[in-house]
PDB file of N, CA and C in Angstrom:
ATOM      1  N   MET A   1    -192.908 -62.452 268.693  1.00  0.00           N
ATOM      2  CA  MET A   1    -192.633 -63.633 267.891  1.00  0.00           C
ATOM      3  C   MET A   1    -193.661 -63.706 266.765  1.00  0.00           C
ATOM      4  N   ILE A   2    -193.181 -63.954 265.567  1.00  0.00           N
ATOM      5  CA  ILE A   2    -194.071 -64.217 264.435  1.00  0.00           C
ATOM      6  C   ILE A   2    -194.333 -65.716 264.421  1.00  0.00           C
ATOM      7  N   THR A   3    -195.595 -66.079 264.329  1.00  0.00           N
ATOM      8  CA  THR A   3    -195.981 -67.482 264.271  1.00  0.00           C
ATOM      9  C   THR A   3    -196.651 -67.737 262.928  1.00  0.00           C
ATOM     10  N   VAL A   4    -196.185 -68.770 262.242  1.00  0.00           N
ATOM     11  CA  VAL A   4    -196.757 -69.166 260.967  1.00  0.00           C
ATOM     12  C   VAL A   4    -197.273 -70.590 261.130  1.00  0.00           C
ATOM     13  N   ASP A   5    -198.566 -70.766 260.944  1.00  0.00           N
ATOM     14  CA  ASP A   5    -199.189 -72.092 261.024  1.00  0.00           C
ATOM     15  C   ASP A   5    -199.574 -72.536 259.624  1.00  0.00           C
ATOM     16  N   ILE A   6    -199.077 -73.710 259.251  1.00  0.00           N
ATOM     17  CA  ILE A   6    -199.328 -74.299 257.938  1.00  0.00           C
ATOM     18  C   ILE A   6    -200.174 -75.549 258.140  1.00  0.00           C
ATOM     19  N   THR A   7    -201.231 -75.686 257.345  1.00  0.00           N
ATOM     20  CA  THR A   7    -202.065 -76.881 257.410  1.00  0.00           C
ATOM     21  C   THR A   7    -202.070 -77.562 256.045  1.00  0.00           C
ATOM     22  N   THR A   8    -201.842 -78.870 256.074  1.00  0.00           N
ATOM     23  CA  THR A   8    -201.951 -79.683 254.866  1.00  0.00           C
ATOM     24  C   THR A   8    -203.062 -80.709 255.066  1.00  0.00           C
ATOM     25  N   LYS A   9    -203.577 -81.214 253.977  1.00  0.00           N
ATOM     26  CA  LYS A   9    -204.544 -82.315 254.025  1.00  0.00           C
ATOM     27  C   LYS A   9    -204.176 -83.263 252.900  1.00  0.00           C
ATOM     28  N   ASP A  10    -203.935 -84.496 253.269  1.00  0.00           N
ATOM     29  CA  ASP A  10    -203.505 -85.508 252.302  1.00  0.00           C
ATOM     30  C   ASP A  10    -202.265 -85.056 251.540  1.00  0.00           C
ATOM     31  N   GLY A  11    -201.350 -84.372 252.259  1.00  0.00           N
ATOM     32  CA  GLY A  11    -200.094 -83.937 251.656  1.00  0.00           C
ATOM     33  C   GLY A  11    -200.208 -82.715 250.768  1.00  0.00           C
ATOM     34  N   VAL A  12    -201.360 -82.049 250.773  1.00  0.00           N
ATOM     35  CA  VAL A  12    -201.602 -80.882 249.930  1.00  0.00           C
ATOM     36  C   VAL A  12    -201.721 -79.651 250.819  1.00  0.00           C
ATOM     37  N   TYR A  13    -201.042 -78.560 250.451  1.00  0.00           N
ATOM     38  CA  TYR A  13    -201.146 -77.323 251.226  1.00  0.00           C
ATOM     39  C   TYR A  13    -202.561 -76.784 251.149  1.00  0.00           C
ATOM     40  N   ARG A  14    -203.122 -76.426 252.322  1.00  0.00           N
ATOM     41  CA  ARG A  14    -204.503 -75.933 252.386  1.00  0.00           C
ATOM     42  C   ARG A  14    -204.625 -74.566 253.034  1.00  0.00           C
ATOM     43  N   HIS A  15    -203.783 -74.269 254.044  1.00  0.00           N
ATOM     44  CA  HIS A  15    -203.999 -73.040 254.805  1.00  0.00           C
ATOM     45  C   HIS A  15    -202.695 -72.524 255.412  1.00  0.00           C
ATOM     46  N   LEU A  16    -202.561 -71.218 255.441  1.00  0.00           N
ATOM     47  CA  LEU A  16    -201.466 -70.554 256.130  1.00  0.00           C
ATOM     48  C   LEU A  16    -202.062 -69.434 256.963  1.00  0.00           C
ATOM     49  N   LYS A  17    -201.593 -69.340 258.185  1.00  0.00           N
ATOM     50  CA  LYS A  17    -201.974 -68.236 259.070  1.00  0.00           C
ATOM     51  C   LYS A  17    -200.687 -67.700 259.677  1.00  0.00           C
ATOM     52  N   ALA A  18    -200.392 -66.429 259.448  1.00  0.00           N
ATOM     53  CA  ALA A  18    -199.204 -65.784 259.998  1.00  0.00           C
ATOM     54  C   ALA A  18    -199.655 -64.619 260.868  1.00  0.00           C
ATOM     55  N   SER A  19    -199.118 -64.569 262.091  1.00  0.00           N
ATOM     56  CA  SER A  19    -199.510 -63.497 263.000  1.00  0.00           C
ATOM     57  C   SER A  19    -198.348 -63.129 263.914  1.00  0.00           C
ATOM     58  N   GLY A  20    -198.461 -61.968 264.526  1.00  0.00           N
ATOM     59  CA  GLY A  20    -197.479 -61.535 265.511  1.00  0.00           C
ATOM     60  C   GLY A  20    -196.484 -60.537 264.968  1.00  0.00           C
ATOM     61  N   HIS A  21    -195.561 -60.154 265.838  1.00  0.00           N
ATOM     62  CA  HIS A  21    -194.490 -59.212 265.531  1.00  0.00           C
ATOM     63  C   HIS A  21    -193.157 -59.865 265.895  1.00  0.00           C
ATOM     64  N   ALA A  22    -192.123 -59.577 265.134  1.00  0.00           N
ATOM     65  CA  ALA A  22    -190.810 -60.147 265.413  1.00  0.00           C
ATOM     66  C   ALA A  22    -190.138 -59.467 266.604  1.00  0.00           C
ATOM     67  N   TYR A  23    -190.214 -58.149 266.682  1.00  0.00           N
ATOM     68  CA  TYR A  23    -189.527 -57.374 267.724  1.00  0.00           C
ATOM     69  C   TYR A  23    -188.023 -57.658 267.745  1.00  0.00           C
ATOM     70  N   SER A  24    -187.445 -57.809 266.547  1.00  0.00           N
ATOM     71  CA  SER A  24    -186.000 -58.028 266.485  1.00  0.00           C
ATOM     72  C   SER A  24    -185.225 -56.722 266.400  1.00  0.00           C
ATOM     73  N   GLY A  25    -185.940 -55.619 266.325  1.00  0.00           N
ATOM     74  CA  GLY A  25    -185.324 -54.304 266.265  1.00  0.00           C
ATOM     75  C   GLY A  25    -186.374 -53.247 266.523  1.00  0.00           C
ATOM     76  N   GLU A  26    -185.947 -52.016 266.520  1.00  0.00           N
ATOM     77  CA  GLU A  26    -186.881 -50.905 266.720  1.00  0.00           C
ATOM     78  C   GLU A  26    -187.887 -50.873 265.570  1.00  0.00           C
ATOM     79  N   PRO A  27    -189.114 -50.424 265.844  1.00  0.00           N
ATOM     80  CA  PRO A  27    -190.095 -50.283 264.757  1.00  0.00           C
ATOM     81  C   PRO A  27    -189.508 -49.450 263.614  1.00  0.00           C
ATOM     82  N   GLY A  28    -189.656 -49.946 262.424  1.00  0.00           N
ATOM     83  CA  GLY A  28    -189.078 -49.290 261.258  1.00  0.00           C
ATOM     84  C   GLY A  28    -187.686 -49.782 260.916  1.00  0.00           C
ATOM     85  N   PHE A  29    -187.053 -50.505 261.852  1.00  0.00           N
ATOM     86  CA  PHE A  29    -185.709 -51.036 261.629  1.00  0.00           C
ATOM     87  C   PHE A  29    -185.652 -52.534 261.928  1.00  0.00           C
ATOM     88  N   ASP A  30    -186.790 -53.172 262.001  1.00  0.00           N
ATOM     89  CA  ASP A  30    -186.903 -54.592 262.325  1.00  0.00           C
ATOM     90  C   ASP A  30    -186.762 -55.392 261.026  1.00  0.00           C
ATOM     91  N   LEU A  31    -185.565 -55.910 260.778  1.00  0.00           N
ATOM     92  CA  LEU A  31    -185.303 -56.584 259.500  1.00  0.00           C
ATOM     93  C   LEU A  31    -186.048 -57.910 259.355  1.00  0.00           C
ATOM     94  N   VAL A  32    -186.259 -58.626 260.458  1.00  0.00           N
ATOM     95  CA  VAL A  32    -187.012 -59.887 260.381  1.00  0.00           C
ATOM     96  C   VAL A  32    -188.450 -59.593 259.986  1.00  0.00           C
ATOM     97  N   CYS A  33    -189.045 -58.619 260.643  1.00  0.00           N
ATOM     98  CA  CYS A  33    -190.421 -58.254 260.334  1.00  0.00           C
ATOM     99  C   CYS A  33    -190.531 -57.764 258.882  1.00  0.00           C
ATOM    100  N   ALA A  34    -189.570 -56.963 258.455  1.00  0.00           N
ATOM    101  CA  ALA A  34    -189.576 -56.449 257.084  1.00  0.00           C
ATOM    102  C   ALA A  34    -189.454 -57.586 256.076  1.00  0.00           C
ATOM    103  N   GLY A  35    -188.586 -58.556 256.359  1.00  0.00           N
ATOM    104  CA  GLY A  35    -188.418 -59.686 255.454  1.00  0.00           C
ATOM    105  C   GLY A  35    -189.674 -60.535 255.357  1.00  0.00           C
ATOM    106  N   VAL A  36    -190.253 -60.861 256.502  1.00  0.00           N
ATOM    107  CA  VAL A  36    -191.478 -61.678 256.518  1.00  0.00           C
ATOM    108  C   VAL A  36    -192.613 -60.919 255.835  1.00  0.00           C
ATOM    109  N   SER A  37    -192.737 -59.630 256.120  1.00  0.00           N
ATOM    110  CA  SER A  37    -193.790 -58.826 255.510  1.00  0.00           C
ATOM    111  C   SER A  37    -193.640 -58.786 253.992  1.00  0.00           C
ATOM    112  N   SER A  38    -192.420 -58.630 253.520  1.00  0.00           N
ATOM    113  CA  SER A  38    -192.183 -58.594 252.073  1.00  0.00           C
ATOM    114  C   SER A  38    -192.529 -59.912 251.407  1.00  0.00           C
ATOM    115  N   VAL A  39    -192.097 -61.013 252.010  1.00  0.00           N
ATOM    116  CA  VAL A  39    -192.381 -62.336 251.451  1.00  0.00           C
ATOM    117  C   VAL A  39    -193.888 -62.586 251.420  1.00  0.00           C
ATOM    118  N   LEU A  40    -194.565 -62.268 252.521  1.00  0.00           N
ATOM    119  CA  LEU A  40    -196.012 -62.498 252.586  1.00  0.00           C
ATOM    120  C   LEU A  40    -196.775 -61.597 251.620  1.00  0.00           C
ATOM    121  N   THR A  41    -196.364 -60.347 251.502  1.00  0.00           N
ATOM    122  CA  THR A  41    -197.034 -59.425 250.579  1.00  0.00           C
ATOM    123  C   THR A  41    -196.881 -59.902 249.135  1.00  0.00           C
ATOM    124  N   GLY A  42    -195.680 -60.345 248.785  1.00  0.00           N
ATOM    125  CA  GLY A  42    -195.476 -60.888 247.446  1.00  0.00           C
ATOM    126  C   GLY A  42    -196.333 -62.110 247.188  1.00  0.00           C
ATOM    127  N   ALA A  43    -196.439 -62.981 248.192  1.00  0.00           N
ATOM    128  CA  ALA A  43    -197.271 -64.180 248.039  1.00  0.00           C
ATOM    129  C   ALA A  43    -198.745 -63.814 247.908  1.00  0.00           C
ATOM    130  N   LEU A  44    -199.209 -62.870 248.719  1.00  0.00           N
ATOM    131  CA  LEU A  44    -200.609 -62.441 248.618  1.00  0.00           C
ATOM    132  C   LEU A  44    -200.898 -61.887 247.232  1.00  0.00           C
ATOM    133  N   ASN A  45    -199.990 -61.087 246.703  1.00  0.00           N
ATOM    134  CA  ASN A  45    -200.168 -60.559 245.349  1.00  0.00           C
ATOM    135  C   ASN A  45    -200.184 -61.680 244.317  1.00  0.00           C
ATOM    136  N   GLY A  46    -199.299 -62.667 244.491  1.00  0.00           N
ATOM    137  CA  GLY A  46    -199.269 -63.798 243.568  1.00  0.00           C
ATOM    138  C   GLY A  46    -200.543 -64.619 243.622  1.00  0.00           C
ATOM    139  N   PHE A  47    -200.978 -64.960 244.826  1.00  0.00           N
ATOM    140  CA  PHE A  47    -202.215 -65.734 244.955  1.00  0.00           C
ATOM    141  C   PHE A  47    -203.417 -64.954 244.452  1.00  0.00           C
ATOM    142  N   ASP A  48    -203.415 -63.646 244.641  1.00  0.00           N
ATOM    143  CA  ASP A  48    -204.536 -62.814 244.210  1.00  0.00           C
ATOM    144  C   ASP A  48    -204.682 -62.808 242.692  1.00  0.00           C
ATOM    145  N   THR A  49    -203.584 -63.055 241.971  1.00  0.00           N
ATOM    146  CA  THR A  49    -203.666 -63.067 240.513  1.00  0.00           C
ATOM    147  C   THR A  49    -204.171 -64.396 239.971  1.00  0.00           C
ATOM    148  N   LEU A  50    -204.252 -65.408 240.847  1.00  0.00           N
ATOM    149  CA  LEU A  50    -204.785 -66.697 240.416  1.00  0.00           C
ATOM    150  C   LEU A  50    -206.293 -66.591 240.280  1.00  0.00           C
ATOM    151  N   ASP A  51    -206.959 -67.694 240.157  1.00  0.00           N
ATOM    152  CA  ASP A  51    -208.411 -67.677 240.063  1.00  0.00           C
ATOM    153  C   ASP A  51    -209.025 -67.682 241.450  1.00  0.00           C
ATOM    154  N   ASP A  52    -210.292 -68.019 241.550  1.00  0.00           N
ATOM    155  CA  ASP A  52    -210.993 -67.958 242.832  1.00  0.00           C
ATOM    156  C   ASP A  52    -210.794 -69.213 243.683  1.00  0.00           C
ATOM    157  N   THR A  53    -209.733 -69.985 243.429  1.00  0.00           N
ATOM    158  CA  THR A  53    -209.466 -71.175 244.239  1.00  0.00           C
ATOM    159  C   THR A  53    -208.689 -70.850 245.507  1.00  0.00           C
ATOM    160  N   VAL A  54    -208.263 -69.583 245.649  1.00  0.00           N
ATOM    161  CA  VAL A  54    -207.479 -69.177 246.808  1.00  0.00           C
ATOM    162  C   VAL A  54    -208.103 -67.924 247.415  1.00  0.00           C
ATOM    163  N   GLU A  55    -208.335 -67.956 248.736  1.00  0.00           N
ATOM    164  CA  GLU A  55    -208.812 -66.777 249.456  1.00  0.00           C
ATOM    165  C   GLU A  55    -207.642 -66.209 250.245  1.00  0.00           C
ATOM    166  N   VAL A  56    -207.424 -64.891 250.158  1.00  0.00           N
ATOM    167  CA  VAL A  56    -206.356 -64.244 250.906  1.00  0.00           C
ATOM    168  C   VAL A  56    -206.949 -63.169 251.803  1.00  0.00           C
ATOM    169  N   SER A  57    -206.305 -62.970 252.945  1.00  0.00           N
ATOM    170  CA  SER A  57    -206.781 -61.985 253.909  1.00  0.00           C
ATOM    171  C   SER A  57    -205.590 -61.338 254.600  1.00  0.00           C
ATOM    172  N   LEU A  58    -205.661 -60.025 254.768  1.00  0.00           N
ATOM    173  CA  LEU A  58    -204.633 -59.272 255.467  1.00  0.00           C
ATOM    174  C   LEU A  58    -205.338 -58.269 256.370  1.00  0.00           C
ATOM    175  N   THR A  59    -205.032 -58.315 257.667  1.00  0.00           N
ATOM    176  CA  THR A  59    -205.615 -57.362 258.601  1.00  0.00           C
ATOM    177  C   THR A  59    -204.504 -56.585 259.282  1.00  0.00           C
ATOM    178  N   SER A  60    -204.862 -55.593 260.048  1.00  0.00           N
ATOM    179  CA  SER A  60    -203.865 -54.746 260.696  1.00  0.00           C
ATOM    180  C   SER A  60    -203.398 -55.277 262.045  1.00  0.00           C
ATOM    181  N   GLU A  61    -203.798 -56.486 262.431  1.00  0.00           N
ATOM    182  CA  GLU A  61    -203.473 -57.014 263.771  1.00  0.00           C
ATOM    183  C   GLU A  61    -202.000 -57.309 264.019  1.00  0.00           C
ATOM    184  N   PRO A  62    -201.067 -57.690 263.288  1.00  0.00           N
ATOM    185  CA  PRO A  62    -201.163 -58.148 261.908  1.00  0.00           C
ATOM    186  C   PRO A  62    -201.542 -59.622 261.815  1.00  0.00           C
ATOM    187  N   LEU A  63    -202.261 -59.916 260.802  1.00  0.00           N
ATOM    188  CA  LEU A  63    -202.687 -61.288 260.548  1.00  0.00           C
ATOM    189  C   LEU A  63    -202.809 -61.472 259.043  1.00  0.00           C
ATOM    190  N   VAL A  64    -202.167 -62.517 258.536  1.00  0.00           N
ATOM    191  CA  VAL A  64    -202.274 -62.879 257.125  1.00  0.00           C
ATOM    192  C   VAL A  64    -202.809 -64.293 257.068  1.00  0.00           C
ATOM    193  N   GLU A  65    -203.804 -64.510 256.211  1.00  0.00           N
ATOM    194  CA  GLU A  65    -204.316 -65.867 256.013  1.00  0.00           C
ATOM    195  C   GLU A  65    -204.442 -66.153 254.532  1.00  0.00           C
ATOM    196  N   ILE A  66    -204.067 -67.367 254.184  1.00  0.00           N
ATOM    197  CA  ILE A  66    -204.212 -67.880 252.824  1.00  0.00           C
ATOM    198  C   ILE A  66    -204.958 -69.201 252.942  1.00  0.00           C
ATOM    199  N   ASN A  67    -206.071 -69.302 252.243  1.00  0.00           N
ATOM    200  CA  ASN A  67    -206.896 -70.504 252.297  1.00  0.00           C
ATOM    201  C   ASN A  67    -207.083 -71.035 250.875  1.00  0.00           C
ATOM    202  N   ILE A  68    -206.557 -72.218 250.623  1.00  0.00           N
ATOM    203  CA  ILE A  68    -206.679 -72.826 249.300  1.00  0.00           C
ATOM    204  C   ILE A  68    -207.905 -73.722 249.294  1.00  0.00           C
ATOM    205  N   LYS A  69    -208.900 -73.332 248.506  1.00  0.00           N
ATOM    206  CA  LYS A  69    -210.156 -74.079 248.455  1.00  0.00           C
ATOM    207  C   LYS A  69    -210.049 -75.300 247.549  1.00  0.00           C
ATOM    208  N   ASN A  70    -209.425 -75.141 246.395  1.00  0.00           N
ATOM    209  CA  ASN A  70    -209.233 -76.236 245.444  1.00  0.00           C
ATOM    210  C   ASN A  70    -207.798 -76.183 244.950  1.00  0.00           C
ATOM    211  N   GLU A  71    -207.044 -77.242 245.246  1.00  0.00           N
ATOM    212  CA  GLU A  71    -205.629 -77.203 244.886  1.00  0.00           C
ATOM    213  C   GLU A  71    -205.433 -77.424 243.400  1.00  0.00           C
ATOM    214  N   ASN A  72    -204.389 -76.784 242.888  1.00  0.00           N
ATOM    215  CA  ASN A  72    -203.898 -77.052 241.538  1.00  0.00           C
ATOM    216  C   ASN A  72    -202.383 -76.901 241.582  1.00  0.00           C
ATOM    217  N   THR A  73    -201.720 -77.285 240.539  1.00  0.00           N
ATOM    218  CA  THR A  73    -200.259 -77.279 240.527  1.00  0.00           C
ATOM    219  C   THR A  73    -199.703 -75.883 240.773  1.00  0.00           C
ATOM    220  N   LEU A  74    -200.307 -74.871 240.179  1.00  0.00           N
ATOM    221  CA  LEU A  74    -199.788 -73.517 240.310  1.00  0.00           C
ATOM    222  C   LEU A  74    -199.885 -73.000 241.745  1.00  0.00           C
ATOM    223  N   ASN A  75    -201.044 -73.140 242.390  1.00  0.00           N
ATOM    224  CA  ASN A  75    -201.134 -72.609 243.750  1.00  0.00           C
ATOM    225  C   ASN A  75    -200.317 -73.433 244.738  1.00  0.00           C
ATOM    226  N   GLN A  76    -200.123 -74.718 244.469  1.00  0.00           N
ATOM    227  CA  GLN A  76    -199.281 -75.541 245.345  1.00  0.00           C
ATOM    228  C   GLN A  76    -197.812 -75.131 245.230  1.00  0.00           C
ATOM    229  N   LYS A  77    -197.353 -74.851 244.015  1.00  0.00           N
ATOM    230  CA  LYS A  77    -195.964 -74.419 243.818  1.00  0.00           C
ATOM    231  C   LYS A  77    -195.729 -73.044 244.427  1.00  0.00           C
ATOM    232  N   LEU A  78    -196.685 -72.150 244.282  1.00  0.00           N
ATOM    233  CA  LEU A  78    -196.554 -70.834 244.886  1.00  0.00           C
ATOM    234  C   LEU A  78    -196.514 -70.939 246.410  1.00  0.00           C
ATOM    235  N   PHE A  79    -197.355 -71.794 246.973  1.00  0.00           N
ATOM    236  CA  PHE A  79    -197.365 -72.011 248.422  1.00  0.00           C
ATOM    237  C   PHE A  79    -196.026 -72.596 248.875  1.00  0.00           C
ATOM    238  N   GLU A  80    -195.527 -73.567 248.129  1.00  0.00           N
ATOM    239  CA  GLU A  80    -194.238 -74.190 248.452  1.00  0.00           C
ATOM    240  C   GLU A  80    -193.107 -73.164 248.402  1.00  0.00           C
ATOM    241  N   PHE A  81    -193.118 -72.310 247.400  1.00  0.00           N
ATOM    242  CA  PHE A  81    -192.112 -71.260 247.264  1.00  0.00           C
ATOM    243  C   PHE A  81    -192.181 -70.305 248.452  1.00  0.00           C
ATOM    244  N   LEU A  82    -193.383 -69.922 248.863  1.00  0.00           N
ATOM    245  CA  LEU A  82    -193.575 -69.068 250.034  1.00  0.00           C
ATOM    246  C   LEU A  82    -193.006 -69.732 251.282  1.00  0.00           C
ATOM    247  N   LEU A  83    -193.300 -71.002 251.461  1.00  0.00           N
ATOM    248  CA  LEU A  83    -192.829 -71.722 252.645  1.00  0.00           C
ATOM    249  C   LEU A  83    -191.300 -71.825 252.666  1.00  0.00           C
ATOM    250  N   ILE A  84    -190.686 -72.040 251.532  1.00  0.00           N
ATOM    251  CA  ILE A  84    -189.216 -72.081 251.455  1.00  0.00           C
ATOM    252  C   ILE A  84    -188.631 -70.741 251.893  1.00  0.00           C
ATOM    253  N   GLN A  85    -189.214 -69.649 251.435  1.00  0.00           N
ATOM    254  CA  GLN A  85    -188.722 -68.328 251.817  1.00  0.00           C
ATOM    255  C   GLN A  85    -188.864 -68.097 253.320  1.00  0.00           C
ATOM    256  N   LEU A  86    -190.029 -68.447 253.877  1.00  0.00           N
ATOM    257  CA  LEU A  86    -190.245 -68.262 255.314  1.00  0.00           C
ATOM    258  C   LEU A  86    -189.299 -69.144 256.134  1.00  0.00           C
ATOM    259  N   LYS A  87    -189.073 -70.380 255.690  1.00  0.00           N
ATOM    260  CA  LYS A  87    -188.154 -71.269 256.411  1.00  0.00           C
ATOM    261  C   LYS A  87    -186.719 -70.753 256.346  1.00  0.00           C
ATOM    262  N   THR A  88    -186.360 -70.086 255.267  1.00  0.00           N
ATOM    263  CA  THR A  88    -185.029 -69.488 255.157  1.00  0.00           C
ATOM    264  C   THR A  88    -184.862 -68.388 256.200  1.00  0.00           C
ATOM    265  N   ILE A  89    -185.887 -67.574 256.384  1.00  0.00           N
ATOM    266  CA  ILE A  89    -185.842 -66.532 257.415  1.00  0.00           C
ATOM    267  C   ILE A  89    -185.803 -67.173 258.798  1.00  0.00           C
ATOM    268  N   GLU A  90    -186.620 -68.203 259.009  1.00  0.00           N
ATOM    269  CA  GLU A  90    -186.653 -68.883 260.309  1.00  0.00           C
ATOM    270  C   GLU A  90    -185.305 -69.510 260.642  1.00  0.00           C
ATOM    271  N   PHE A  91    -184.611 -70.064 259.659  1.00  0.00           N
ATOM    272  CA  PHE A  91    -183.328 -70.727 259.883  1.00  0.00           C
ATOM    273  C   PHE A  91    -182.338 -69.807 260.587  1.00  0.00           C
ATOM    274  N   SER A  92    -182.294 -68.560 260.177  1.00  0.00           N
ATOM    275  CA  SER A  92    -181.336 -67.609 260.753  1.00  0.00           C
ATOM    276  C   SER A  92    -181.902 -66.778 261.898  1.00  0.00           C
ATOM    277  N   ASN A  93    -183.217 -66.862 262.116  1.00  0.00           N
ATOM    278  CA  ASN A  93    -183.863 -65.974 263.084  1.00  0.00           C
ATOM    279  C   ASN A  93    -184.913 -66.706 263.904  1.00  0.00           C
ATOM    280  N   SER A  94    -184.596 -67.910 264.358  1.00  0.00           N
ATOM    281  CA  SER A  94    -185.594 -68.750 265.029  1.00  0.00           C
ATOM    282  C   SER A  94    -186.085 -68.175 266.355  1.00  0.00           C
ATOM    283  N   GLU A  95    -185.397 -67.192 266.899  1.00  0.00           N
ATOM    284  CA  GLU A  95    -185.884 -66.570 268.130  1.00  0.00           C
ATOM    285  C   GLU A  95    -186.987 -65.549 267.848  1.00  0.00           C
ATOM    286  N   TYR A  96    -187.213 -65.232 266.549  1.00  0.00           N
ATOM    287  CA  TYR A  96    -188.211 -64.227 266.181  1.00  0.00           C
ATOM    288  C   TYR A  96    -189.348 -64.770 265.321  1.00  0.00           C
ATOM    289  N   ILE A  97    -189.180 -65.947 264.744  1.00  0.00           N
ATOM    290  CA  ILE A  97    -190.217 -66.536 263.889  1.00  0.00           C
ATOM    291  C   ILE A  97    -190.212 -68.045 264.083  1.00  0.00           C
ATOM    292  N   THR A  98    -191.407 -68.608 264.164  1.00  0.00           N
ATOM    293  CA  THR A  98    -191.547 -70.062 264.247  1.00  0.00           C
ATOM    294  C   THR A  98    -192.604 -70.513 263.251  1.00  0.00           C
ATOM    295  N   ILE A  99    -192.335 -71.633 262.606  1.00  0.00           N
ATOM    296  CA  ILE A  99    -193.253 -72.197 261.626  1.00  0.00           C
ATOM    297  C   ILE A  99    -193.725 -73.548 262.142  1.00  0.00           C
ATOM    298  N   ASN A 100    -195.036 -73.714 262.216  1.00  0.00           N
ATOM    299  CA  ASN A 100    -195.655 -74.960 262.675  1.00  0.00           C
ATOM    300  C   ASN A 100    -196.414 -75.583 261.511  1.00  0.00           C
ATOM    301  N   GLU A 101    -196.129 -76.833 261.237  1.00  0.00           N
ATOM    302  CA  GLU A 101    -196.830 -77.541 260.160  1.00  0.00           C
ATOM    303  C   GLU A 101    -197.636 -78.678 260.752  1.00  0.00           C
ATOM    304  N   LYS A 102    -198.897 -78.804 260.327  1.00  0.00           N
ATOM    305  CA  LYS A 102    -199.730 -79.892 260.815  1.00  0.00           C
ATOM    306  C   LYS A 102    -200.590 -80.429 259.679  1.00  0.00           C
ATOM    307  N   GLU A 103    -200.942 -81.693 259.813  1.00  0.00           N
ATOM    308  CA  GLU A 103    -201.794 -82.368 258.845  1.00  0.00           C
ATOM    309  C   GLU A 103    -203.221 -82.376 259.390  1.00  0.00           C
ATOM    310  N   ASP A 104    -204.156 -81.914 258.571  1.00  0.00           N
ATOM    311  CA  ASP A 104    -205.577 -81.959 258.932  1.00  0.00           C
ATOM    312  C   ASP A 104    -206.080 -83.374 258.691  1.00  0.00           C
ATOM    313  N   VAL A 105    -206.514 -84.027 259.738  1.00  0.00           N
ATOM    314  CA  VAL A 105    -206.932 -85.436 259.637  1.00  0.00           C
ATOM    315  C   VAL A 105    -208.438 -85.586 259.511  1.00  0.00           C
ATOM    316  N   ARG A 106    -209.162 -84.489 259.419  1.00  0.00           N
ATOM    317  CA  ARG A 106    -210.622 -84.578 259.275  1.00  0.00           C
ATOM    318  C   ARG A 106    -211.021 -85.102 257.939  1.00  0.00           C
TER     319      ARG A 106
END
């Protein structure tokens, strides 16, 4: 199962953590994993072209993290676009991907 955890603070996107494997098909033929990987890779490339207000991380576990240090309109829209894409995949493949959204109350 791919798990995507989204954190907001005061209604502003702050953090994304995506981890796990879909296992919806054989390795190399797993369309859910391929779709999520493509969406996340595109988002990482997009955030990387912004300024230093966004930290991105990709490890081989697999684990992807996006941490927004200072929000602005551009990084919020990019984050929103990423979330729409992931929710579209989740809508049709909820047995392989789950998205959890929480508000940071600290």
